[in-house]
Amino acid sequence: MHILYLHGLDGSLSNEKRSILEQYGKVEAPNLDYREHPNIIKMLVENYSNSDFDFILGSSMGGFVGYHISNIWNTPSLLFNPALAYRSVHQDIPTYELRDKNFKTLVLGVDDDVITPVSTLDFISHQLETNINFNIKIRQGMGHRIPVEVFEEEAKLFLNQLI
């Protein structure tokens, strides 16, 4: 498997989470400066145009970027607390058309006080007429940061759906 991991604002992929993902295949985890580059989506689509990713995993701002890239490439995605409804840093969203059914799992933390799950659910409610198949999981007791054990559990469940 070939995995694209997109970190959140001012974040990175921890060694612990990288080793979890590497159990499933090759991991690409570019270091992204969302503050300095408002065209991250376009940049990633161009830079990885010859790559064939099996799925995209993103968290927070990386979940926002992953949402749109997975739509452009028609690639499944696992998104933790994606910053879909609002962001503190502007990112350009290129124009694209949804072509085929697209599968996304969103994992939302009830206690997330950075990207509230209610705002994400409201955003998703306006996407129901699209060709996106949403699997939405709401985790009690989870905040904005994703504990390693939750990351591992959700990655495993998501990959089992793809196989």
C-alpha atoms as a PDB file:
ATOM      1  CA  MET A   1       0.000   0.000   0.000  1.00  0.00           C
ATOM      2  CA  HIS A   2       1.033   3.570  -0.651  1.00  0.00           C
ATOM      3  CA  ILE A   3      -0.169   6.042   2.001  1.00  0.00           C
ATOM      4  CA  LEU A   4      -0.198   9.851   1.942  1.00  0.00           C
ATOM      5  CA  TYR A   5      -0.193  11.318   5.454  1.00  0.00           C
ATOM      6  CA  LEU A   6      -1.042  15.010   5.878  1.00  0.00           C
ATOM      7  CA  HIS A   7      -0.286  16.554   9.278  1.00  0.00           C
ATOM      8  CA  GLY A   8      -2.174  19.361  10.931  1.00  0.00           C
ATOM      9  CA  LEU A   9      -1.220  23.010  11.306  1.00  0.00           C
ATOM     10  CA  ASP A  10       2.322  23.313  12.722  1.00  0.00           C
ATOM     11  CA  GLY A  11       2.390  19.521  13.152  1.00  0.00           C
ATOM     12  CA  SER A  12       4.249  16.492  11.859  1.00  0.00           C
ATOM     13  CA  LEU A  13       3.918  12.718  11.789  1.00  0.00           C
ATOM     14  CA  SER A  14       5.262  11.257  15.032  1.00  0.00           C
ATOM     15  CA  ASN A  15       7.619   8.286  14.865  1.00  0.00           C
ATOM     16  CA  GLU A  16       5.097   6.207  16.793  1.00  0.00           C
ATOM     17  CA  LYS A  17       2.263   6.894  14.322  1.00  0.00           C
ATOM     18  CA  ARG A  18       4.613   6.488  11.342  1.00  0.00           C
ATOM     19  CA  SER A  19       5.586   2.997  12.524  1.00  0.00           C
ATOM     20  CA  ILE A  20       1.889   2.088  12.809  1.00  0.00           C
ATOM     21  CA  LEU A  21       1.270   3.158   9.212  1.00  0.00           C
ATOM     22  CA  GLU A  22       4.451   1.499   7.930  1.00  0.00           C
ATOM     23  CA  GLN A  23       2.985  -1.853   8.967  1.00  0.00           C
ATOM     24  CA  TYR A  24       0.592  -1.359   6.046  1.00  0.00           C
ATOM     25  CA  GLY A  25       2.956   0.030   3.416  1.00  0.00           C
ATOM     26  CA  LYS A  26       5.052   2.940   2.203  1.00  0.00           C
ATOM     27  CA  VAL A  27       4.278   6.266   3.879  1.00  0.00           C
ATOM     28  CA  GLU A  28       4.721   9.684   2.276  1.00  0.00           C
ATOM     29  CA  ALA A  29       4.475  12.438   4.895  1.00  0.00           C
ATOM     30  CA  PRO A  30       5.512  15.784   3.415  1.00  0.00           C
ATOM     31  CA  ASN A  31       6.396  18.629   5.753  1.00  0.00           C
ATOM     32  CA  LEU A  32       3.762  21.271   4.977  1.00  0.00           C
ATOM     33  CA  ASP A  33       3.848  24.956   5.891  1.00  0.00           C
ATOM     34  CA  TYR A  34       0.187  25.928   5.625  1.00  0.00           C
ATOM     35  CA  ARG A  35       0.884  29.479   6.848  1.00  0.00           C
ATOM     36  CA  GLU A  36       3.400  30.284   4.124  1.00  0.00           C
ATOM     37  CA  HIS A  37       1.797  28.397   1.233  1.00  0.00           C
ATOM     38  CA  PRO A  38      -1.934  28.993   0.658  1.00  0.00           C
ATOM     39  CA  ASN A  39      -1.919  26.626  -2.333  1.00  0.00           C
ATOM     40  CA  ILE A  40      -0.951  23.372  -0.586  1.00  0.00           C
ATOM     41  CA  ILE A  41      -3.742  21.381  -2.286  1.00  0.00           C
ATOM     42  CA  LYS A  42      -2.634  22.362  -5.786  1.00  0.00           C
ATOM     43  CA  MET A  43       1.032  21.874  -4.865  1.00  0.00           C
ATOM     44  CA  LEU A  44       0.455  18.345  -3.533  1.00  0.00           C
ATOM     45  CA  VAL A  45      -1.699  17.338  -6.511  1.00  0.00           C
ATOM     46  CA  GLU A  46       1.057  18.503  -8.877  1.00  0.00           C
ATOM     47  CA  ASN A  47       3.991  17.090  -6.864  1.00  0.00           C
ATOM     48  CA  TYR A  48       2.396  13.664  -6.490  1.00  0.00           C
ATOM     49  CA  SER A  49       0.671  13.481  -9.871  1.00  0.00           C
ATOM     50  CA  ASN A  50       2.649  10.348 -10.769  1.00  0.00           C
ATOM     51  CA  SER A  51       2.025   8.639  -7.435  1.00  0.00           C
ATOM     52  CA  ASP A  52      -0.659   6.065  -6.925  1.00  0.00           C
ATOM     53  CA  PHE A  53      -1.851   6.373  -3.344  1.00  0.00           C
ATOM     54  CA  ASP A  54      -4.142   3.712  -1.931  1.00  0.00           C
ATOM     55  CA  PHE A  55      -5.459   6.112   0.691  1.00  0.00           C
ATOM     56  CA  ILE A  56      -4.964   9.487   2.298  1.00  0.00           C
ATOM     57  CA  LEU A  57      -4.834  10.057   6.041  1.00  0.00           C
ATOM     58  CA  GLY A  58      -5.078  13.573   7.443  1.00  0.00           C
ATOM     59  CA  SER A  59      -5.626  15.337  10.728  1.00  0.00           C
ATOM     60  CA  SER A  60      -7.140  18.792  11.320  1.00  0.00           C
ATOM     61  CA  MET A  61      -5.724  21.071   8.582  1.00  0.00           C
ATOM     62  CA  GLY A  62      -4.295  17.940   6.956  1.00  0.00           C
ATOM     63  CA  GLY A  63      -7.807  16.490   7.097  1.00  0.00           C
ATOM     64  CA  PHE A  64      -9.112  19.518   5.209  1.00  0.00           C
ATOM     65  CA  VAL A  65      -6.395  19.150   2.552  1.00  0.00           C
ATOM     66  CA  GLY A  66      -6.880  15.370   2.467  1.00  0.00           C
ATOM     67  CA  TYR A  67     -10.628  15.801   1.952  1.00  0.00           C
ATOM     68  CA  HIS A  68     -10.108  17.837  -1.193  1.00  0.00           C
ATOM     69  CA  ILE A  69      -7.195  15.809  -2.569  1.00  0.00           C
ATOM     70  CA  SER A  70      -9.139  12.583  -2.076  1.00  0.00           C
ATOM     71  CA  ASN A  71     -11.972  14.156  -4.089  1.00  0.00           C
ATOM     72  CA  ILE A  72      -9.609  15.216  -6.875  1.00  0.00           C
ATOM     73  CA  TRP A  73      -7.897  11.808  -7.069  1.00  0.00           C
ATOM     74  CA  ASN A  74     -10.963   9.762  -6.114  1.00  0.00           C
ATOM     75  CA  THR A  75      -8.909   8.131  -3.365  1.00  0.00           C
ATOM     76  CA  PRO A  76     -10.319   6.848  -0.049  1.00  0.00           C
ATOM     77  CA  SER A  77      -9.437   8.907   3.007  1.00  0.00           C
ATOM     78  CA  LEU A  78      -9.325   8.641   6.779  1.00  0.00           C
ATOM     79  CA  LEU A  79      -9.697  12.094   8.317  1.00  0.00           C
ATOM     80  CA  PHE A  80      -9.325  12.928  12.010  1.00  0.00           C
ATOM     81  CA  ASN A  81     -11.082  16.124  13.142  1.00  0.00           C
ATOM     82  CA  PRO A  82     -10.804  17.671   9.657  1.00  0.00           C
ATOM     83  CA  ALA A  83     -10.906  21.478   9.516  1.00  0.00           C
ATOM     84  CA  LEU A  84     -13.691  21.478   6.927  1.00  0.00           C
ATOM     85  CA  ALA A  85     -16.045  24.146   8.244  1.00  0.00           C
ATOM     86  CA  TYR A  86     -13.392  26.705   9.248  1.00  0.00           C
ATOM     87  CA  ARG A  87      -9.642  27.177   9.511  1.00  0.00           C
ATOM     88  CA  SER A  88      -7.391  29.709  11.206  1.00  0.00           C
ATOM     89  CA  VAL A  89      -5.160  29.777   8.093  1.00  0.00           C
ATOM     90  CA  HIS A  90      -6.443  30.352   4.558  1.00  0.00           C
ATOM     91  CA  GLN A  91      -5.938  27.667   1.906  1.00  0.00           C
ATOM     92  CA  ASP A  92      -7.022  27.966  -1.712  1.00  0.00           C
ATOM     93  CA  ILE A  93      -9.384  25.243  -2.917  1.00  0.00           C
ATOM     94  CA  PRO A  94      -8.929  24.466  -6.605  1.00  0.00           C
ATOM     95  CA  THR A  95     -12.012  23.870  -8.715  1.00  0.00           C
ATOM     96  CA  TYR A  96     -12.685  20.188  -9.357  1.00  0.00           C
ATOM     97  CA  GLU A  97     -15.542  17.902 -10.222  1.00  0.00           C
ATOM     98  CA  LEU A  98     -16.465  14.773  -8.292  1.00  0.00           C
ATOM     99  CA  ARG A  99     -16.471  11.965 -10.833  1.00  0.00           C
ATOM    100  CA  ASP A 100     -17.087   8.658  -9.080  1.00  0.00           C
ATOM    101  CA  LYS A 101     -18.145   7.412  -5.698  1.00  0.00           C
ATOM    102  CA  ASN A 102     -15.604   8.457  -3.109  1.00  0.00           C
ATOM    103  CA  PHE A 103     -15.204   6.885   0.354  1.00  0.00           C
ATOM    104  CA  LYS A 104     -14.249   8.881   3.431  1.00  0.00           C
ATOM    105  CA  THR A 105     -14.126   7.990   7.105  1.00  0.00           C
ATOM    106  CA  LEU A 106     -14.239  10.963   9.457  1.00  0.00           C
ATOM    107  CA  VAL A 107     -13.300  10.454  13.103  1.00  0.00           C
ATOM    108  CA  LEU A 108     -14.539  13.301  15.273  1.00  0.00           C
ATOM    109  CA  GLY A 109     -13.689  13.896  18.914  1.00  0.00           C
ATOM    110  CA  VAL A 110     -16.626  15.022  21.037  1.00  0.00           C
ATOM    111  CA  ASP A 111     -14.251  17.038  23.237  1.00  0.00           C
ATOM    112  CA  ASP A 112     -12.480  18.770  20.331  1.00  0.00           C
ATOM    113  CA  ASP A 113     -12.467  22.477  21.196  1.00  0.00           C
ATOM    114  CA  VAL A 114     -10.393  23.467  18.119  1.00  0.00           C
ATOM    115  CA  ILE A 115     -12.571  22.004  15.335  1.00  0.00           C
ATOM    116  CA  THR A 116     -15.946  21.328  16.907  1.00  0.00           C
ATOM    117  CA  PRO A 117     -17.666  18.161  15.722  1.00  0.00           C
ATOM    118  CA  VAL A 118     -20.954  20.068  15.339  1.00  0.00           C
ATOM    119  CA  SER A 119     -19.377  22.379  12.740  1.00  0.00           C
ATOM    120  CA  THR A 120     -17.973  19.397  10.829  1.00  0.00           C
ATOM    121  CA  LEU A 121     -21.330  17.616  10.874  1.00  0.00           C
ATOM    122  CA  ASP A 122     -22.995  20.784   9.611  1.00  0.00           C
ATOM    123  CA  PHE A 123     -20.470  20.979   6.752  1.00  0.00           C
ATOM    124  CA  ILE A 124     -21.062  17.308   5.876  1.00  0.00           C
ATOM    125  CA  SER A 125     -24.844  17.824   5.916  1.00  0.00           C
ATOM    126  CA  HIS A 126     -24.399  20.127   2.918  1.00  0.00           C
ATOM    127  CA  GLN A 127     -22.384  17.470   1.046  1.00  0.00           C
ATOM    128  CA  LEU A 128     -24.995  14.719   1.119  1.00  0.00           C
ATOM    129  CA  GLU A 129     -25.991  15.204  -2.528  1.00  0.00           C
ATOM    130  CA  THR A 130     -22.413  14.523  -3.711  1.00  0.00           C
ATOM    131  CA  ASN A 131     -20.869  11.228  -4.781  1.00  0.00           C
ATOM    132  CA  ILE A 132     -19.168  10.850  -1.412  1.00  0.00           C
ATOM    133  CA  ASN A 133     -19.849   7.894   0.850  1.00  0.00           C
ATOM    134  CA  PHE A 134     -19.276   9.114   4.392  1.00  0.00           C
ATOM    135  CA  ASN A 135     -18.541   6.931   7.380  1.00  0.00           C
ATOM    136  CA  ILE A 136     -18.686   9.229  10.405  1.00  0.00           C
ATOM    137  CA  LYS A 137     -17.413   8.082  13.779  1.00  0.00           C
ATOM    138  CA  ILE A 138     -17.881  10.149  16.896  1.00  0.00           C
ATOM    139  CA  ARG A 139     -15.503   9.316  19.721  1.00  0.00           C
ATOM    140  CA  GLN A 140     -16.490  10.168  23.270  1.00  0.00           C
ATOM    141  CA  GLY A 141     -13.636  11.512  25.379  1.00  0.00           C
ATOM    142  CA  MET A 142     -11.420  12.394  22.409  1.00  0.00           C
ATOM    143  CA  GLY A 143     -10.230  15.962  21.902  1.00  0.00           C
ATOM    144  CA  HIS A 144      -8.356  17.539  19.015  1.00  0.00           C
ATOM    145  CA  ARG A 145      -5.159  15.534  19.473  1.00  0.00           C
ATOM    146  CA  ILE A 146      -5.394  11.894  18.469  1.00  0.00           C
ATOM    147  CA  PRO A 147      -4.066   9.424  21.043  1.00  0.00           C
ATOM    148  CA  VAL A 148      -1.786   6.775  19.528  1.00  0.00           C
ATOM    149  CA  GLU A 149      -4.088   3.921  20.537  1.00  0.00           C
ATOM    150  CA  VAL A 150      -7.074   5.625  18.819  1.00  0.00           C
ATOM    151  CA  PHE A 151      -4.947   6.329  15.732  1.00  0.00           C
ATOM    152  CA  GLU A 152      -3.891   2.688  15.552  1.00  0.00           C
ATOM    153  CA  GLU A 153      -7.415   1.342  16.102  1.00  0.00           C
ATOM    154  CA  GLU A 154      -9.022   3.645  13.525  1.00  0.00           C
ATOM    155  CA  ALA A 155      -6.297   3.012  10.915  1.00  0.00           C
ATOM    156  CA  LYS A 156      -6.767  -0.742  11.301  1.00  0.00           C
ATOM    157  CA  LEU A 157     -10.574  -0.506  11.024  1.00  0.00           C
ATOM    158  CA  PHE A 158     -10.322   1.772   7.999  1.00  0.00           C
ATOM    159  CA  LEU A 159      -7.845  -0.486   6.199  1.00  0.00           C
ATOM    160  CA  ASN A 160      -9.999  -3.538   6.859  1.00  0.00           C
ATOM    161  CA  GLN A 161     -12.814  -1.748   4.978  1.00  0.00           C
ATOM    162  CA  LEU A 162     -10.531  -1.157   1.996  1.00  0.00           C
ATOM    163  CA  ILE A 163      -9.322  -4.731   1.703  1.00  0.00           C
END
